[in-house]
Protein backbone atom coordinates (compact mmCIF):
# COMPACT_ATOMS: atom_id res chain seq x y z
CA MET A 1 286.34 -43.23 -63.87
CA SER A 2 283.65 -45.87 -63.86
CA HIS A 3 282.49 -48.58 -66.23
CA TYR A 4 280.24 -51.54 -66.35
CA TRP A 5 281.13 -55.16 -67.42
CA ARG A 6 278.71 -57.73 -68.76
CA HIS A 7 279.40 -60.96 -70.73
CA PRO A 8 276.96 -63.37 -72.37
CA ALA A 9 278.76 -66.38 -70.87
CA VAL A 10 277.62 -65.21 -67.36
CA PRO A 11 274.41 -63.34 -67.89
CA HIS A 12 273.59 -63.52 -64.17
CA ILE A 13 276.57 -61.30 -63.30
CA GLU A 14 277.15 -57.60 -63.86
CA ILE A 15 280.18 -55.73 -62.43
CA ARG A 16 280.91 -52.08 -61.91
CA ASN A 17 284.44 -50.88 -61.52
CA VAL A 18 284.89 -47.43 -60.03
CA GLU A 19 288.54 -46.21 -60.01
CA ASP A 20 287.90 -42.83 -58.44
CA GLY A 21 284.64 -42.39 -56.66
CA ARG A 22 285.36 -39.02 -55.02
CA THR A 23 282.61 -37.28 -56.98
CA PHE A 24 280.16 -40.21 -56.78
CA SER A 25 277.14 -39.62 -54.50
CA HIS A 26 274.47 -42.18 -54.19
CA ALA A 27 271.03 -41.64 -52.82
CA SER A 28 269.57 -44.47 -50.71
CA HIS A 29 268.42 -47.20 -53.05
CA ALA A 30 267.92 -51.00 -53.38
CA HIS A 31 268.62 -53.66 -56.02
CA ALA A 32 266.69 -56.62 -57.10
CA THR A 33 270.06 -58.42 -57.27
CA PHE A 34 272.41 -59.63 -54.57
CA SER A 35 275.40 -57.27 -54.47
CA ILE A 36 278.95 -57.96 -53.19
CA GLY A 37 281.73 -55.44 -53.53
CA ALA A 38 285.44 -55.12 -52.84
CA ILE A 39 286.77 -51.72 -51.61
CA MET A 40 290.01 -51.34 -53.58
CA ALA A 41 291.29 -48.02 -52.23
CA GLY A 42 290.47 -45.17 -49.85
CA GLN A 43 287.47 -44.88 -47.51
CA SER A 44 283.71 -44.35 -47.69
CA SER A 45 280.60 -44.43 -45.64
CA TYR A 46 278.44 -47.50 -45.99
CA LEU A 47 274.71 -47.54 -45.28
CA ASN A 48 272.96 -50.98 -45.12
CA GLY A 49 269.43 -51.02 -43.86
CA HIS A 50 269.36 -48.82 -40.68
CA HIS A 51 273.15 -49.01 -39.95
CA THR A 52 276.06 -46.86 -41.20
CA ARG A 53 279.73 -47.48 -40.84
CA HIS A 54 283.01 -46.29 -42.28
CA ILE A 55 284.72 -48.78 -44.59
CA SER A 56 288.20 -48.87 -46.12
CA ALA A 57 290.43 -50.67 -48.61
CA GLY A 58 290.55 -54.36 -48.18
CA SER A 59 286.91 -54.81 -46.92
CA VAL A 60 284.03 -56.38 -48.60
CA VAL A 61 280.40 -55.26 -48.58
CA LEU A 62 277.34 -57.43 -49.07
CA MET A 63 273.78 -56.28 -49.83
CA ASN A 64 270.85 -58.60 -49.85
CA PRO A 65 268.20 -58.08 -52.58
CA GLY A 66 265.70 -55.27 -51.67
CA VAL A 67 267.81 -53.87 -48.75
CA VAL A 68 268.13 -50.06 -48.86
CA HIS A 69 271.83 -49.07 -48.98
CA ALA A 70 274.39 -46.41 -50.24
CA CYS A 71 278.04 -45.99 -50.32
CA ASN A 72 279.50 -42.45 -50.46
CA PRO A 73 282.96 -40.84 -50.34
CA LEU A 74 284.34 -39.35 -47.14
CA HIS A 75 285.34 -35.67 -47.32
CA ASP A 76 286.41 -35.89 -50.92
CA GLN A 77 288.90 -38.66 -50.10
CA PRO A 78 289.83 -41.00 -52.96
CA TRP A 79 288.20 -44.36 -52.97
CA ALA A 80 287.75 -47.20 -55.50
CA TYR A 81 285.50 -50.25 -55.53
CA ARG A 82 284.38 -53.15 -57.64
CA MET A 83 280.76 -54.15 -57.23
CA PHE A 84 279.26 -57.45 -58.42
CA TYR A 85 275.49 -57.56 -58.99
CA VAL A 86 274.31 -61.23 -59.07
CA ASP A 87 270.92 -62.41 -60.11
CA ALA A 88 269.02 -63.44 -57.03
CA GLY A 89 267.26 -66.42 -58.65
CA TRP A 90 270.55 -67.88 -59.96
CA LEU A 91 272.17 -67.45 -56.43
CA ALA A 92 269.17 -69.09 -54.88
CA SER A 93 269.81 -72.16 -56.95
CA VAL A 94 273.40 -72.22 -55.74
CA GLN A 95 272.14 -71.98 -52.16
CA CYS A 96 269.70 -74.89 -52.74
CA GLN A 97 272.47 -77.00 -54.17
CA GLY A 98 274.39 -76.23 -51.00
CA GLY A 99 271.54 -77.35 -48.81
CA ILE A 100 270.14 -73.85 -48.06
CA GLY A 101 266.46 -73.21 -48.70
CA ALA A 102 264.08 -75.46 -50.63
CA GLN A 103 263.23 -73.88 -53.85
CA ASP A 104 261.77 -71.05 -51.92
CA GLY A 105 263.93 -68.32 -53.50
CA PHE A 106 267.00 -66.48 -52.23
CA VAL A 107 267.68 -66.72 -48.51
CA PRO A 108 269.22 -63.50 -47.08
CA PHE A 109 272.68 -63.58 -45.64
CA ALA A 110 273.26 -62.43 -42.10
CA GLN A 111 276.59 -60.64 -42.89
CA ASN A 112 276.70 -57.38 -44.76
CA TYR A 113 280.34 -56.50 -44.16
CA SER A 114 283.63 -58.44 -43.93
CA THR A 115 287.33 -57.71 -43.44
CA ASP A 116 288.24 -61.31 -44.28
CA PRO A 117 291.40 -61.12 -46.42
CA THR A 118 290.69 -64.46 -48.07
CA LEU A 119 287.19 -63.35 -49.26
CA PHE A 120 288.65 -60.12 -50.57
CA ALA A 121 291.43 -61.90 -52.38
CA GLU A 122 288.92 -64.48 -53.88
CA LEU A 123 286.62 -61.66 -55.11
CA ASP A 124 289.59 -59.82 -56.60
CA SER A 125 290.79 -62.92 -58.32
CA LEU A 126 287.24 -63.48 -59.76
CA TYR A 127 287.30 -59.94 -61.17
CA VAL A 128 290.68 -60.56 -62.87
CA VAL A 129 289.48 -63.85 -64.45
CA LEU A 130 286.13 -62.42 -65.68
CA THR A 131 287.56 -59.17 -67.20
CA ASP A 132 290.56 -60.76 -68.92
CA THR A 133 289.58 -60.71 -72.58
CA GLY A 134 291.50 -64.03 -73.04
CA THR A 135 289.47 -65.99 -70.54
CA PRO A 136 287.30 -68.70 -72.31
CA PRO A 137 283.61 -68.71 -71.51
CA ASP A 138 283.67 -72.11 -69.84
CA ILE A 139 286.42 -70.86 -67.43
CA MET A 140 284.40 -67.74 -66.62
CA GLN A 141 281.42 -69.94 -65.80
CA ALA A 142 283.44 -72.32 -63.60
CA ALA A 143 285.07 -69.36 -61.74
CA VAL A 144 281.76 -67.74 -61.01
CA LEU A 145 280.13 -70.97 -59.81
CA LYS A 146 283.11 -71.92 -57.60
CA PHE A 147 283.25 -68.45 -55.96
CA PHE A 148 279.60 -68.36 -55.11
CA GLN A 149 279.45 -71.96 -53.87
CA ARG A 150 282.34 -71.11 -51.46
CA LEU A 151 280.53 -67.86 -50.47
CA VAL A 152 277.35 -69.71 -49.70
CA ALA A 153 279.18 -72.34 -47.62
CA ARG A 154 281.12 -69.51 -45.84
CA LEU A 155 278.27 -67.20 -44.88
CA GLN A 156 275.55 -67.67 -42.32
CA THR A 157 271.99 -66.90 -43.26
CA ALA A 158 269.86 -64.47 -41.49
CA ASN A 159 268.03 -66.15 -38.52
CA ASP A 160 264.99 -63.93 -39.11
CA HIS A 161 264.75 -64.31 -42.87
CA THR A 162 261.21 -65.74 -42.51
CA ALA A 163 260.04 -62.70 -40.60
CA CYS A 164 257.83 -60.40 -42.61
CA ALA A 165 256.92 -56.76 -42.53
CA PRO A 166 253.21 -56.19 -41.44
CA ARG A 167 250.76 -57.57 -43.98
CA LYS A 168 249.59 -54.13 -45.00
CA MET A 169 253.15 -52.99 -45.73
CA VAL A 170 253.75 -55.98 -47.82
CA GLU A 171 250.47 -55.32 -49.69
CA ALA A 172 251.48 -51.69 -50.18
CA ALA A 173 254.97 -52.72 -51.60
CA ASP A 174 253.34 -55.34 -53.92
CA PHE A 175 250.96 -52.73 -55.20
CA ILE A 176 253.65 -50.16 -55.89
CA ARG A 177 255.82 -52.72 -57.71
CA GLU A 178 252.91 -53.90 -59.80
CA HIS A 179 251.80 -50.41 -60.78
CA CYS A 180 255.09 -48.47 -60.69
CA MET A 181 254.96 -47.67 -64.38
CA HIS A 182 251.74 -45.84 -63.94
CA THR A 183 250.95 -42.61 -62.12
CA LEU A 184 250.50 -43.36 -58.40
CA ARG A 185 249.45 -40.96 -55.70
CA LEU A 186 250.06 -41.59 -52.04
CA GLU A 187 246.29 -41.51 -51.56
CA ASP A 188 245.90 -44.31 -54.10
CA ILE A 189 248.35 -46.66 -52.29
CA ALA A 190 246.79 -45.67 -48.87
CA ALA A 191 243.36 -46.52 -50.09
CA VAL A 192 244.35 -49.96 -51.29
CA VAL A 193 245.66 -51.00 -47.98
CA GLN A 194 242.96 -48.89 -46.03
CA LEU A 195 245.42 -46.80 -44.01
CA SER A 196 245.75 -43.05 -43.60
CA PRO A 197 248.56 -41.59 -45.88
CA SER A 198 250.48 -40.27 -42.78
CA TYR A 199 250.51 -43.63 -41.05
CA LEU A 200 251.50 -45.48 -44.30
CA ILE A 201 254.46 -43.20 -44.77
CA ARG A 202 255.75 -43.67 -41.19
CA SER A 203 255.21 -47.46 -41.11
CA PHE A 204 256.46 -48.16 -44.62
CA LYS A 205 259.63 -46.21 -44.09
CA ALA A 206 260.14 -47.99 -40.80
CA HIS A 207 260.08 -51.42 -42.52
CA TYR A 208 261.53 -50.66 -45.99
CA GLY A 209 263.86 -47.75 -45.31
CA LEU A 210 262.19 -45.70 -48.00
CA THR A 211 258.93 -43.69 -48.13
CA PRO A 212 256.18 -45.11 -50.55
CA HIS A 213 257.33 -42.42 -53.09
CA GLY A 214 260.95 -43.46 -52.65
CA TYR A 215 260.10 -47.09 -53.10
CA LEU A 216 258.07 -46.15 -56.25
CA ILE A 217 261.05 -44.40 -57.76
CA ASP A 218 263.41 -47.30 -56.85
CA CYS A 219 261.04 -49.72 -58.58
CA ARG A 220 261.03 -47.62 -61.69
CA LEU A 221 264.78 -47.38 -61.68
CA GLN A 222 264.97 -51.23 -61.51
CA LEU A 223 262.71 -51.39 -64.54
CA ALA A 224 264.94 -48.81 -66.34
CA ARG A 225 268.08 -50.86 -65.62
CA GLU A 226 266.37 -53.94 -67.14
CA GLY A 227 265.51 -51.98 -70.32
CA LEU A 228 268.97 -50.48 -70.60
CA ARG A 229 270.64 -53.87 -70.19
CA ARG A 230 268.45 -55.11 -73.16
CA GLY A 231 269.73 -52.18 -75.18
CA ASP A 232 266.54 -50.31 -75.39
CA GLY A 233 266.77 -46.52 -76.10
CA ILE A 234 266.87 -44.18 -73.18
CA ALA A 235 263.66 -42.29 -74.11
CA GLU A 236 261.84 -45.67 -74.60
CA VAL A 237 263.06 -46.88 -71.24
CA ALA A 238 262.02 -43.70 -69.52
CA ALA A 239 258.41 -44.11 -70.90
CA GLN A 240 258.15 -47.82 -70.15
CA ALA A 241 259.38 -47.34 -66.61
CA GLY A 242 256.88 -44.54 -65.84
CA PHE A 243 259.14 -41.50 -65.78
CA ALA A 244 257.73 -38.22 -67.02
CA ASP A 245 260.46 -37.91 -69.75
CA GLN A 246 264.02 -38.83 -70.55
CA ALA A 247 265.32 -35.90 -68.54
CA HIS A 248 263.39 -37.05 -65.46
CA LEU A 249 265.00 -40.52 -65.82
CA GLN A 250 268.43 -38.97 -66.34
CA ARG A 251 268.20 -36.84 -63.20
CA LEU A 252 267.06 -39.57 -60.82
CA PHE A 253 269.26 -42.22 -62.35
CA LYS A 254 272.37 -40.12 -61.86
CA ARG A 255 271.39 -38.92 -58.34
CA THR A 256 270.68 -42.58 -57.22
CA LEU A 257 273.31 -44.62 -59.05
CA ALA A 258 275.93 -42.00 -59.69
CA ALA A 259 275.98 -42.85 -63.45
CA THR A 260 273.90 -41.67 -66.38
CA PRO A 261 271.56 -44.09 -68.26
CA GLY A 262 274.03 -43.98 -71.19
CA GLN A 263 277.00 -44.88 -69.04
CA TYR A 264 275.12 -47.74 -67.58
CA ARG A 265 273.94 -49.12 -70.83
CA GLY A 266 277.47 -48.93 -72.26
């Protein structure tokens, strides 16, 4: 069982609650948002960037925007989690208020995993407050701000957050994002950055964790999620995001996010 929670009082927050994830299988993917999740029961494998570990109930996972990740069940064992997806621009403003960054956008956190019982309890408490139908909007807003102010103060930022991928890889990624709704061939991307297709594939995957085609699909899925959150029709979203048809979107959405577009839209 799985469902998504959204509320107009806190439009910068989206929550997914999965009560039994044994049949959920995620392909490697990334989000434009910052993600933080509490493992409520069972165990799973957790890929973040180039590192994989086993995680269990009581732990918290953290994913910076754009970082390739995946959580999947272990040998059909029961597991449950609550994942919060947080608008990176909003969280960047919280960081700036806390003395981190200088209007330069979100600064990545160094930590991507925690077994701190206090952090787990605070995240669980935030979930209870937000999903209680009797909670007034101003209390929701205050609870969200307080939690993320504490999170920003608690976590260290990545020492190498200013380090960039090679310029041509950045150019390739930018080109893919800007044109992802159109038909793009590997040769087209390689020509823009003046690299051979084979070298582009190897170097791009080394820095982004996905091939250029995988990155293209991920960008299209991010566009599709934006359209679905607006309430657009699934066929319309598929066309806008560059998928061949609705069935193509359905198949890749389910494979990557372990949910159908209809389930995500709610």
